[in-house]
Structure formats: C-alpha cells, structure tokens
N, C-alpha and C. Protein backbone atom coordinates (compact mmCIF):
# COMPACT_ATOMS: atom_id res chain seq x y z
N MET A 1 4.18 6.17 24.99
CA MET A 1 4.76 5.07 24.26
C MET A 1 4.22 5.01 22.83
N ILE A 2 2.88 5.05 22.69
CA ILE A 2 2.29 4.97 21.36
C ILE A 2 2.70 6.16 20.50
N ASP A 3 2.86 7.33 21.13
CA ASP A 3 3.28 8.52 20.37
C ASP A 3 4.66 8.32 19.76
N LYS A 4 5.54 7.68 20.47
CA LYS A 4 6.90 7.41 19.97
C LYS A 4 6.85 6.44 18.80
N ILE A 5 6.03 5.41 18.92
CA ILE A 5 5.88 4.44 17.83
C ILE A 5 5.34 5.13 16.58
N LEU A 6 4.30 5.95 16.76
CA LEU A 6 3.72 6.66 15.62
C LEU A 6 4.71 7.63 14.99
N GLU A 7 5.49 8.29 15.81
CA GLU A 7 6.51 9.22 15.31
C GLU A 7 7.57 8.46 14.50
N ASP A 8 8.02 7.33 15.02
CA ASP A 8 9.00 6.53 14.30
C ASP A 8 8.45 6.02 12.98
N ARG A 9 7.22 5.57 13.00
CA ARG A 9 6.60 5.03 11.78
C ARG A 9 6.40 6.12 10.73
N GLU A 10 6.12 7.33 11.18
CA GLU A 10 5.91 8.40 10.20
C GLU A 10 7.17 8.66 9.38
N HIS A 11 8.33 8.43 9.97
CA HIS A 11 9.58 8.61 9.22
C HIS A 11 9.72 7.57 8.12
N THR A 12 9.33 6.35 8.38
CA THR A 12 9.48 5.29 7.37
C THR A 12 8.24 5.13 6.51
N HIS A 13 7.05 5.36 7.07
CA HIS A 13 5.79 5.10 6.36
C HIS A 13 5.14 6.37 5.82
N GLY A 14 5.60 7.52 6.26
CA GLY A 14 4.97 8.77 5.87
C GLY A 14 3.72 9.03 6.70
N SER A 15 3.09 10.13 6.42
CA SER A 15 1.84 10.49 7.10
C SER A 15 0.79 9.43 6.79
N TYR A 16 0.10 8.96 7.83
CA TYR A 16 -0.94 7.94 7.62
C TYR A 16 -2.01 8.45 6.67
N LYS A 17 -2.42 9.68 6.84
CA LYS A 17 -3.47 10.25 6.00
C LYS A 17 -3.02 10.30 4.54
N ASP A 18 -1.80 10.77 4.29
CA ASP A 18 -1.29 10.85 2.92
C ASP A 18 -1.15 9.46 2.31
N SER A 19 -0.59 8.56 3.08
CA SER A 19 -0.39 7.19 2.62
C SER A 19 -1.72 6.52 2.31
N ALA A 20 -2.70 6.73 3.15
CA ALA A 20 -4.03 6.15 2.93
C ALA A 20 -4.65 6.70 1.65
N THR A 21 -4.49 7.98 1.40
CA THR A 21 -5.04 8.59 0.19
C THR A 21 -4.42 7.97 -1.06
N VAL A 22 -3.11 7.84 -1.07
CA VAL A 22 -2.42 7.25 -2.23
C VAL A 22 -2.85 5.80 -2.41
N ALA A 23 -2.89 5.03 -1.33
CA ALA A 23 -3.27 3.61 -1.43
C ALA A 23 -4.69 3.45 -1.97
N VAL A 24 -5.62 4.25 -1.47
CA VAL A 24 -7.01 4.15 -1.92
C VAL A 24 -7.13 4.55 -3.39
N GLU A 25 -6.39 5.56 -3.81
CA GLU A 25 -6.43 5.96 -5.22
C GLU A 25 -5.91 4.84 -6.12
N LEU A 26 -4.82 4.20 -5.72
CA LEU A 26 -4.29 3.07 -6.50
C LEU A 26 -5.30 1.93 -6.56
N LYS A 27 -5.91 1.63 -5.43
CA LYS A 27 -6.90 0.54 -5.39
C LYS A 27 -8.11 0.86 -6.26
N ARG A 28 -8.52 2.12 -6.30
CA ARG A 28 -9.66 2.50 -7.15
C ARG A 28 -9.35 2.25 -8.62
N VAL A 29 -8.13 2.55 -9.04
CA VAL A 29 -7.74 2.30 -10.43
C VAL A 29 -7.85 0.81 -10.74
N ILE A 30 -7.32 -0.02 -9.86
CA ILE A 30 -7.37 -1.46 -10.06
C ILE A 30 -8.82 -1.94 -10.11
N TRP A 31 -9.62 -1.54 -9.13
CA TRP A 31 -11.01 -1.99 -9.08
C TRP A 31 -11.80 -1.52 -10.29
N TYR A 32 -11.54 -0.32 -10.76
CA TYR A 32 -12.23 0.19 -11.95
C TYR A 32 -12.00 -0.74 -13.13
N HIS A 33 -10.75 -1.13 -13.34
CA HIS A 33 -10.43 -1.99 -14.47
C HIS A 33 -10.95 -3.41 -14.29
N VAL A 34 -10.92 -3.91 -13.07
CA VAL A 34 -11.45 -5.24 -12.80
C VAL A 34 -12.95 -5.27 -13.07
N ILE A 35 -13.66 -4.28 -12.57
CA ILE A 35 -15.12 -4.23 -12.75
C ILE A 35 -15.46 -4.00 -14.21
N GLU A 36 -14.74 -3.11 -14.88
CA GLU A 36 -15.00 -2.81 -16.29
C GLU A 36 -14.83 -4.06 -17.15
N GLN A 37 -13.83 -4.87 -16.84
CA GLN A 37 -13.56 -6.08 -17.63
C GLN A 37 -14.42 -7.26 -17.18
N LYS A 38 -15.10 -7.09 -16.04
CA LYS A 38 -15.91 -8.18 -15.46
C LYS A 38 -15.08 -9.46 -15.30
N ASP A 39 -13.83 -9.26 -14.98
CA ASP A 39 -12.90 -10.38 -14.80
C ASP A 39 -12.37 -10.31 -13.37
N PHE A 40 -13.21 -10.74 -12.44
CA PHE A 40 -12.88 -10.61 -11.03
C PHE A 40 -11.74 -11.55 -10.64
N LEU A 41 -10.91 -11.08 -9.77
CA LEU A 41 -9.75 -11.84 -9.31
C LEU A 41 -10.13 -12.70 -8.11
N PRO A 42 -9.43 -13.82 -7.94
CA PRO A 42 -9.62 -14.59 -6.70
C PRO A 42 -9.26 -13.71 -5.50
N ASP A 43 -9.86 -14.00 -4.37
CA ASP A 43 -9.66 -13.19 -3.17
C ASP A 43 -8.19 -13.02 -2.79
N ASP A 44 -7.40 -14.09 -2.91
CA ASP A 44 -6.00 -13.98 -2.51
C ASP A 44 -5.24 -13.03 -3.43
N MET A 45 -5.54 -13.04 -4.71
CA MET A 45 -4.88 -12.12 -5.64
C MET A 45 -5.30 -10.68 -5.39
N GLN A 46 -6.61 -10.48 -5.16
CA GLN A 46 -7.08 -9.13 -4.89
C GLN A 46 -6.46 -8.58 -3.61
N GLN A 47 -6.41 -9.40 -2.58
CA GLN A 47 -5.81 -8.96 -1.32
C GLN A 47 -4.33 -8.64 -1.51
N SER A 48 -3.63 -9.44 -2.29
CA SER A 48 -2.21 -9.16 -2.56
C SER A 48 -2.05 -7.82 -3.26
N LEU A 49 -2.90 -7.55 -4.25
CA LEU A 49 -2.83 -6.25 -4.92
C LEU A 49 -3.13 -5.10 -3.96
N ASP A 50 -4.12 -5.29 -3.10
CA ASP A 50 -4.44 -4.26 -2.10
C ASP A 50 -3.25 -3.97 -1.21
N MET A 51 -2.60 -5.02 -0.74
CA MET A 51 -1.44 -4.85 0.14
C MET A 51 -0.27 -4.20 -0.60
N ILE A 52 -0.07 -4.59 -1.86
CA ILE A 52 0.99 -3.98 -2.66
C ILE A 52 0.71 -2.48 -2.82
N CYS A 53 -0.54 -2.11 -3.03
CA CYS A 53 -0.90 -0.69 -3.13
C CYS A 53 -0.53 0.05 -1.85
N SER A 54 -0.79 -0.57 -0.71
CA SER A 54 -0.43 0.05 0.57
C SER A 54 1.07 0.22 0.69
N LYS A 55 1.82 -0.76 0.25
CA LYS A 55 3.28 -0.68 0.33
C LYS A 55 3.82 0.37 -0.63
N ILE A 56 3.24 0.46 -1.82
CA ILE A 56 3.65 1.50 -2.77
C ILE A 56 3.39 2.87 -2.17
N ALA A 57 2.25 3.03 -1.51
CA ALA A 57 1.92 4.31 -0.88
C ALA A 57 2.96 4.66 0.18
N ARG A 58 3.40 3.68 0.96
CA ARG A 58 4.43 3.94 1.98
C ARG A 58 5.74 4.36 1.33
N ILE A 59 6.06 3.75 0.19
CA ILE A 59 7.29 4.12 -0.52
C ILE A 59 7.19 5.56 -1.01
N ILE A 60 6.05 5.92 -1.56
CA ILE A 60 5.85 7.26 -2.11
C ILE A 60 5.80 8.32 -1.01
N CYS A 61 5.10 8.02 0.08
CA CYS A 61 4.87 9.01 1.13
C CYS A 61 5.92 8.98 2.24
N GLY A 62 6.63 7.88 2.35
CA GLY A 62 7.60 7.73 3.43
C GLY A 62 9.01 7.63 2.91
N ASP A 63 9.77 6.72 3.49
CA ASP A 63 11.17 6.53 3.14
C ASP A 63 11.28 5.47 2.05
N HIS A 64 11.58 5.92 0.83
CA HIS A 64 11.65 4.99 -0.28
C HIS A 64 12.86 4.05 -0.19
N ASN A 65 13.77 4.34 0.72
CA ASN A 65 14.92 3.46 0.94
C ASN A 65 14.68 2.40 2.01
N GLU A 66 13.50 2.39 2.61
CA GLU A 66 13.17 1.41 3.64
C GLU A 66 13.00 0.05 2.98
N ILE A 67 13.94 -0.83 3.20
CA ILE A 67 13.97 -2.13 2.51
C ILE A 67 12.75 -2.99 2.84
N ASP A 68 12.17 -2.82 4.02
CA ASP A 68 10.99 -3.62 4.39
C ASP A 68 9.83 -3.41 3.42
N HIS A 69 9.66 -2.19 2.93
CA HIS A 69 8.57 -1.93 1.98
C HIS A 69 8.75 -2.78 0.73
N TRP A 70 9.96 -2.79 0.22
CA TRP A 70 10.27 -3.55 -1.00
C TRP A 70 10.18 -5.05 -0.76
N ASN A 71 10.66 -5.49 0.38
CA ASN A 71 10.58 -6.92 0.70
C ASN A 71 9.12 -7.37 0.84
N ASP A 72 8.29 -6.51 1.44
CA ASP A 72 6.87 -6.84 1.58
C ASP A 72 6.21 -6.98 0.22
N ILE A 73 6.52 -6.07 -0.72
CA ILE A 73 5.96 -6.17 -2.07
C ILE A 73 6.37 -7.49 -2.71
N ALA A 74 7.63 -7.84 -2.56
CA ALA A 74 8.10 -9.12 -3.12
C ALA A 74 7.35 -10.29 -2.51
N GLY A 75 7.12 -10.22 -1.21
CA GLY A 75 6.40 -11.29 -0.53
C GLY A 75 4.96 -11.41 -1.01
N TYR A 76 4.27 -10.29 -1.17
CA TYR A 76 2.88 -10.33 -1.63
C TYR A 76 2.80 -10.75 -3.10
N SER A 77 3.87 -10.48 -3.83
CA SER A 77 3.89 -10.88 -5.25
C SER A 77 3.98 -12.39 -5.36
C-alpha cells in the first residue's frame, strides 16, 4: 500500500531526494540573506518561506501542472 502511495506521489512531487535537495538549497539562500542582514523574520513568516521553498521544489522536480502545488504556495503566502 505505501509503495503505491509513494509511486503516485513521485509523479506529482518528483523524487523525494531531488526535491529535498532543491528545497534545502532555496532555504539556504534565504537564511544566508536573513543572517547577513541580521533582520530575523517572525517564526510564522520563516515557516511560510520554508514551506514555499518545499512547494517550489515539488514544482521543479515533479509535475509543474499540479494545481495543488500552486494553491499551497498561495495559501502560505
């Protein structure tokens, strides 16, 4: 059962490993600039940016036409 779920998700979300790599790279860019400017964001804003990075990674690594990815970004925004 779990194998089927993972297989289905890979079509829309892409490879978990690839998606994780892209998301972490995006988050590192954001954190670098936040730390450099010493202008830390409130926790809710930082978490929203982290989640948006994950959704962007799914768009890049998975199915960019999956409307849920775009809707999730809008929701976190």
